[in-house]
Amino acid sequence: MLVNLKTVLEKAKTEKYAVGAFNATDLNTARGIIAAAEAENAPVILQFAEVHGQYISLEQAASMYLQLAQTAKVPVVVHLDHGENFDTIVKAMHLGFTSVMVDASTQPFKENITRTNQVLEIARALNVSVEAELGIMNAEDGSGALDYDQMDDTYTNVAEAAEFVKATDVDALAIAFGTVHGLYKAEPHLNYQRIKEIHDKTNKPLVMHGGSGLKDEEYRESIKNGITKINYYSTMSYEVTNGLRDYLNKNSDAFLFDVDMKTIELVKENIAAKIRVFGSSNKA
């Protein structure tokens, strides 16, 4: 069942759980994500990140992911993740994506508002949800050196978050509070109080980016304080790759279609476990 982001996040916000947002760069990963959501009877967000255009085109992703969403037994949002290029964002909406992210977080505050509102003007006419980001995180591909003990200055400012939401009425806001994109190279320090303060000031669904590699309790505490969408990809990709390596080492006679089916199985297991932690099982 194809739905937009606002639909699933409003329910999650009211009932205090988070909807998992999972990136896919191929059909098998996408099939595994949908299979996990159906097994857990959970709503799910199937994402395509703009930076992943080198692996699969936006048009190909739209064709495959929308078909999977339309035939799924649970609510599925097809979402453009980290859209930085206005033309790409507009193209995604016209291809049928039900949600898009405007990532102008590296721009000055007023420019971020302007770019977000430019997308919102089109999105509202198409019934497409819009996520924006406020606060600075590392690059989407996980690159760049970070000092995990010196990240406070990059956290989303509470007063700015309130002003941003008032100026845009965006459907969801991604915030910086200590998570990072990619795999963690040190122990993260999450500022749960910052989540709560932003939640109380904005009353909007809040999004965790860099949701890979956290402890279960860190997810739950983030949700308790106002996170309703969790982006999770890098750890899944890494662990599924290791699982495939083990499988191939033990099955030297495997064919490509065997690898396809094993990929779906491993992705399903990995994603289903996170859905349970996020509290969205049986919320479809």
Protein backbone atom coordinates (compact mmCIF):
# COMPACT_ATOMS: atom_id res chain seq x y z
CA MET A 1 0.00 0.00 0.00
CA LEU A 2 1.64 3.22 -1.18
CA VAL A 3 1.28 6.12 1.30
CA ASN A 4 3.03 9.40 2.06
CA LEU A 5 5.36 10.12 4.98
CA LYS A 6 2.98 12.39 6.86
CA THR A 7 0.41 9.58 7.11
CA VAL A 8 2.72 7.09 8.83
CA LEU A 9 4.59 9.59 11.01
CA GLU A 10 1.48 11.21 12.50
CA LYS A 11 0.40 7.82 13.85
CA ALA A 12 3.94 7.05 15.06
CA LYS A 13 4.15 10.39 16.85
CA THR A 14 0.83 9.83 18.61
CA GLU A 15 1.63 6.25 19.64
CA LYS A 16 5.32 6.92 20.43
CA TYR A 17 7.17 4.54 18.13
CA ALA A 18 9.46 5.11 15.16
CA VAL A 19 9.05 4.06 11.55
CA GLY A 20 12.18 2.57 10.03
CA ALA A 21 13.55 4.26 6.90
CA PHE A 22 15.78 1.92 4.95
CA ASN A 23 17.85 2.70 1.87
CA ALA A 24 18.11 0.32 -1.06
CA THR A 25 20.32 0.44 -4.13
CA ASP A 26 19.00 -2.71 -5.82
CA LEU A 27 15.88 -4.81 -6.17
CA ASN A 28 16.95 -7.60 -3.79
CA THR A 29 17.58 -5.21 -0.90
CA ALA A 30 14.24 -3.52 -1.54
CA ARG A 31 12.46 -6.88 -1.62
CA GLY A 32 14.09 -7.82 1.68
CA ILE A 33 12.95 -4.57 3.28
CA ILE A 34 9.35 -5.06 2.16
CA ALA A 35 9.41 -8.72 3.25
CA ALA A 36 10.57 -7.67 6.72
CA ALA A 37 7.82 -5.05 7.02
CA GLU A 38 5.17 -7.55 5.96
CA ALA A 39 6.48 -10.20 8.36
CA GLU A 40 6.33 -7.67 11.21
CA ASN A 41 3.05 -6.10 10.02
CA ALA A 42 4.78 -2.73 10.17
CA PRO A 43 4.72 0.48 8.13
CA VAL A 44 8.02 1.11 6.40
CA ILE A 45 9.88 3.82 4.47
CA LEU A 46 11.75 2.61 1.39
CA GLN A 47 14.41 5.17 0.55
CA PHE A 48 16.55 6.10 -2.41
CA ALA A 49 19.39 8.51 -1.62
CA GLU A 50 20.40 11.01 -4.29
CA VAL A 51 24.08 10.08 -3.79
CA HIS A 52 23.24 6.50 -4.74
CA GLY A 53 22.47 7.51 -8.31
CA GLN A 54 25.82 6.00 -9.30
CA TYR A 55 24.45 2.53 -8.48
CA ILE A 56 20.93 2.79 -9.88
CA SER A 57 19.13 5.63 -11.62
CA LEU A 58 16.28 7.56 -10.04
CA GLU A 59 13.97 6.34 -12.81
CA GLN A 60 14.89 2.68 -12.24
CA ALA A 61 14.48 3.03 -8.48
CA ALA A 62 11.07 4.66 -8.92
CA SER A 63 9.85 1.90 -11.22
CA MET A 64 10.89 -0.92 -8.90
CA TYR A 65 10.20 0.62 -5.51
CA LEU A 66 6.80 2.03 -6.41
CA GLN A 67 5.66 -1.33 -7.76
CA LEU A 68 6.79 -3.05 -4.57
CA ALA A 69 5.02 -0.43 -2.46
CA GLN A 70 1.76 -0.62 -4.40
CA THR A 71 1.54 -4.40 -4.00
CA ALA A 72 2.76 -4.57 -0.40
CA LYS A 73 0.41 -5.71 2.37
CA VAL A 74 1.58 -2.90 4.67
CA PRO A 75 1.88 0.90 4.29
CA VAL A 76 5.04 1.79 2.34
CA VAL A 77 6.44 5.29 1.79
CA VAL A 78 8.76 5.72 -1.21
CA HIS A 79 11.09 8.49 -0.13
CA LEU A 80 13.93 10.47 -1.72
CA ASP A 81 16.69 10.68 0.88
CA HIS A 82 19.10 13.65 1.06
CA GLY A 83 17.82 15.49 -1.99
CA GLU A 84 20.23 18.37 -2.58
CA ASN A 85 19.49 19.16 -6.21
CA PHE A 86 16.16 20.91 -6.84
CA ASP A 87 15.71 19.26 -10.25
CA THR A 88 16.27 15.80 -8.76
CA ILE A 89 13.71 16.46 -6.03
CA VAL A 90 11.10 17.67 -8.54
CA LYS A 91 11.78 14.71 -10.82
CA ALA A 92 11.30 12.29 -7.91
CA MET A 93 7.92 13.83 -7.11
CA HIS A 94 6.77 13.59 -10.71
CA LEU A 95 7.97 9.97 -10.93
CA GLY A 96 5.65 9.12 -8.05
CA PHE A 97 7.76 9.31 -4.90
CA THR A 98 5.35 10.04 -2.04
CA SER A 99 7.95 11.82 0.08
CA VAL A 100 11.12 13.83 -0.50
CA MET A 101 13.86 15.23 1.68
CA VAL A 102 15.24 18.70 1.01
CA ASP A 103 18.78 18.71 2.37
CA ALA A 104 19.92 22.32 2.51
CA SER A 105 21.43 21.89 5.98
CA THR A 106 24.86 23.12 4.87
CA GLN A 107 23.34 26.38 3.62
CA PRO A 108 22.72 29.50 5.73
CA PHE A 109 19.56 29.29 7.86
CA LYS A 110 17.44 31.63 5.69
CA GLU A 111 18.56 29.86 2.51
CA ASN A 112 17.54 26.52 4.02
CA ILE A 113 14.06 27.94 4.65
CA THR A 114 13.83 29.34 1.12
CA ARG A 115 14.88 26.08 -0.55
CA THR A 116 12.54 24.05 1.63
CA ASN A 117 9.58 26.30 0.80
CA GLN A 118 10.34 26.08 -2.93
CA VAL A 119 9.92 22.32 -2.72
CA LEU A 120 6.91 22.53 -0.41
CA GLU A 121 5.03 24.69 -2.91
CA ILE A 122 5.17 21.89 -5.48
CA ALA A 123 4.85 19.03 -3.01
CA ARG A 124 1.61 20.29 -1.47
CA ALA A 125 -0.07 20.27 -4.88
CA LEU A 126 1.03 16.66 -5.43
CA ASN A 127 0.22 15.35 -1.91
CA VAL A 128 3.90 14.61 -1.37
CA SER A 129 5.40 14.86 2.12
CA VAL A 130 8.54 16.90 2.75
CA GLU A 131 11.36 16.31 5.22
CA ALA A 132 14.01 18.97 5.84
CA GLU A 133 17.21 19.00 7.89
CA LEU A 134 18.53 21.51 10.39
CA GLY A 135 21.92 21.11 12.05
CA ILE A 136 25.24 19.84 10.70
CA MET A 137 26.19 16.18 10.29
CA ASN A 138 29.03 14.53 8.42
CA ALA A 139 28.67 13.66 4.73
CA GLU A 140 25.95 11.20 3.69
CA ASP A 141 28.61 8.70 2.54
CA GLY A 142 30.10 8.69 6.05
CA SER A 143 33.34 10.37 5.01
CA GLY A 144 35.23 12.98 7.00
CA ALA A 145 37.10 12.92 10.30
CA LEU A 146 35.01 13.51 13.42
CA ASP A 147 35.79 14.19 17.05
CA TYR A 148 32.90 12.47 18.83
CA ASP A 149 33.60 14.45 22.00
CA GLN A 150 33.40 17.84 20.27
CA MET A 151 30.09 17.78 18.39
CA ASP A 152 27.89 20.00 20.57
CA ASP A 153 28.29 23.04 18.32
CA THR A 154 26.84 21.10 15.39
CA TYR A 155 23.64 20.09 17.19
CA THR A 156 20.36 21.54 15.97
CA ASN A 157 19.57 24.81 17.74
CA VAL A 158 16.22 24.65 19.56
CA ALA A 159 15.16 28.24 18.83
CA GLU A 160 16.14 27.89 15.17
CA ALA A 161 14.16 24.64 14.91
CA ALA A 162 11.05 26.40 16.20
CA GLU A 163 11.56 29.29 13.79
CA PHE A 164 12.24 26.93 10.88
CA VAL A 165 9.06 24.92 11.44
CA LYS A 166 7.00 28.09 11.81
CA ALA A 167 8.40 29.42 8.52
CA THR A 168 7.94 26.19 6.54
CA ASP A 169 5.39 23.90 8.28
CA VAL A 170 7.52 21.04 6.99
CA ASP A 171 6.13 17.52 7.59
CA ALA A 172 9.24 16.13 9.33
CA LEU A 173 12.49 17.60 10.57
CA ALA A 174 15.82 15.80 10.64
CA ILE A 175 17.93 16.99 13.55
CA ALA A 176 21.54 16.67 14.69
CA PHE A 177 21.99 15.44 18.28
CA GLY A 178 25.09 13.24 18.18
CA THR A 179 24.52 10.59 15.51
CA VAL A 180 26.71 10.35 12.40
CA HIS A 181 26.33 8.93 8.91
CA GLY A 182 28.13 5.67 8.17
CA LEU A 183 29.65 3.22 10.65
CA TYR A 184 30.68 4.53 14.06
CA LYS A 185 34.42 4.72 14.70
CA ALA A 186 33.98 5.69 18.37
CA GLU A 187 31.31 5.73 21.08
CA PRO A 188 28.60 8.26 20.17
CA HIS A 189 27.21 10.69 22.75
CA LEU A 190 23.53 11.31 22.07
CA ASN A 191 21.84 14.40 23.51
CA TYR A 192 18.35 13.13 24.35
CA GLN A 193 17.48 16.39 26.08
CA ARG A 194 18.06 18.24 22.81
CA ILE A 195 15.58 15.92 21.08
CA LYS A 196 12.96 16.57 23.76
CA GLU A 197 13.45 20.34 23.68
CA ILE A 198 13.07 20.46 19.90
CA HIS A 199 10.06 18.17 20.05
CA ASP A 200 8.38 20.35 22.66
CA LYS A 201 9.06 23.54 20.69
CA THR A 202 8.06 22.26 17.23
CA ASN A 203 5.47 19.51 17.84
CA LYS A 204 6.68 17.89 14.61
CA PRO A 205 7.85 14.36 13.77
CA LEU A 206 11.62 14.34 14.25
CA VAL A 207 14.06 12.27 12.20
CA MET A 208 17.26 10.48 13.21
CA HIS A 209 19.86 10.32 10.47
CA GLY A 210 22.93 8.17 10.97
CA GLY A 211 20.83 5.53 12.72
CA SER A 212 23.25 2.66 12.14
CA GLY A 213 25.24 0.99 14.88
CA LEU A 214 23.47 2.29 17.97
CA LYS A 215 22.55 0.18 20.97
CA ASP A 216 18.90 -0.86 21.27
CA GLU A 217 18.48 1.32 24.35
CA GLU A 218 19.84 4.34 22.46
CA TYR A 219 17.15 3.88 19.81
CA ARG A 220 14.45 3.49 22.44
CA GLU A 221 15.57 6.53 24.42
CA SER A 222 15.64 8.64 21.25
CA ILE A 223 12.10 7.52 20.39
CA LYS A 224 10.93 8.23 23.93
CA ASN A 225 12.12 11.83 23.55
CA GLY A 226 10.51 12.50 20.16
CA ILE A 227 12.21 10.66 17.27
CA THR A 228 9.59 9.13 14.94
CA LYS A 229 11.66 8.25 11.82
CA ILE A 230 14.97 6.41 11.97
CA ASN A 231 17.28 6.16 8.95
CA TYR A 232 19.20 2.88 9.05
CA TYR A 233 21.41 1.59 6.24
CA SER A 234 25.18 1.33 6.73
CA THR A 235 25.19 -1.39 9.40
CA MET A 236 22.65 -3.45 7.47
CA SER A 237 24.71 -3.16 4.28
CA TYR A 238 27.88 -4.16 6.11
CA GLU A 239 26.34 -7.08 7.99
CA VAL A 240 24.51 -8.45 4.97
CA THR A 241 27.76 -8.30 2.98
CA ASN A 242 29.51 -10.31 5.69
CA GLY A 243 26.64 -12.79 5.70
CA LEU A 244 26.94 -13.24 1.93
CA ARG A 245 30.68 -13.75 2.28
CA ASP A 246 30.12 -16.51 4.81
CA TYR A 247 27.45 -18.08 2.61
CA LEU A 248 29.69 -18.12 -0.46
CA ASN A 249 32.62 -19.55 1.51
CA LYS A 250 30.38 -22.44 2.57
CA ASN A 251 28.61 -22.89 -0.79
CA SER A 252 31.19 -22.93 -3.58
CA ASP A 253 28.60 -24.28 -6.04
CA ALA A 254 26.19 -21.34 -5.54
CA PHE A 255 24.77 -19.55 -8.59
CA LEU A 256 23.86 -15.90 -8.94
CA PHE A 257 20.18 -16.57 -8.26
CA ASP A 258 21.16 -18.34 -5.03
CA VAL A 259 22.97 -15.17 -3.98
CA ASP A 260 19.89 -13.13 -4.91
CA MET A 261 17.67 -15.21 -2.63
CA LYS A 262 20.22 -15.21 0.19
CA THR A 263 20.47 -11.42 -0.03
CA ILE A 264 16.71 -11.05 0.39
CA GLU A 265 16.76 -13.44 3.35
CA LEU A 266 19.63 -11.65 5.12
CA VAL A 267 18.16 -8.19 4.55
CA LYS A 268 14.77 -9.37 5.82
CA GLU A 269 16.29 -10.76 9.04
CA ASN A 270 18.36 -7.63 9.68
CA ILE A 271 15.55 -5.16 9.02
CA ALA A 272 12.91 -7.15 10.94
CA ALA A 273 15.09 -7.04 14.05
CA LYS A 274 15.33 -3.23 13.82
CA ILE A 275 11.60 -2.84 13.22
CA ARG A 276 10.98 -4.66 16.51
CA VAL A 277 13.41 -2.38 18.35
CA PHE A 278 11.79 0.72 16.84
CA GLY A 279 8.41 -0.42 18.18
CA SER A 280 6.59 -0.38 14.85
CA SER A 281 5.71 -4.09 14.70
CA ASN A 282 1.96 -4.61 14.34
CA LYS A 283 1.39 -0.90 13.67
CA ALA A 284 0.42 -1.26 10.00
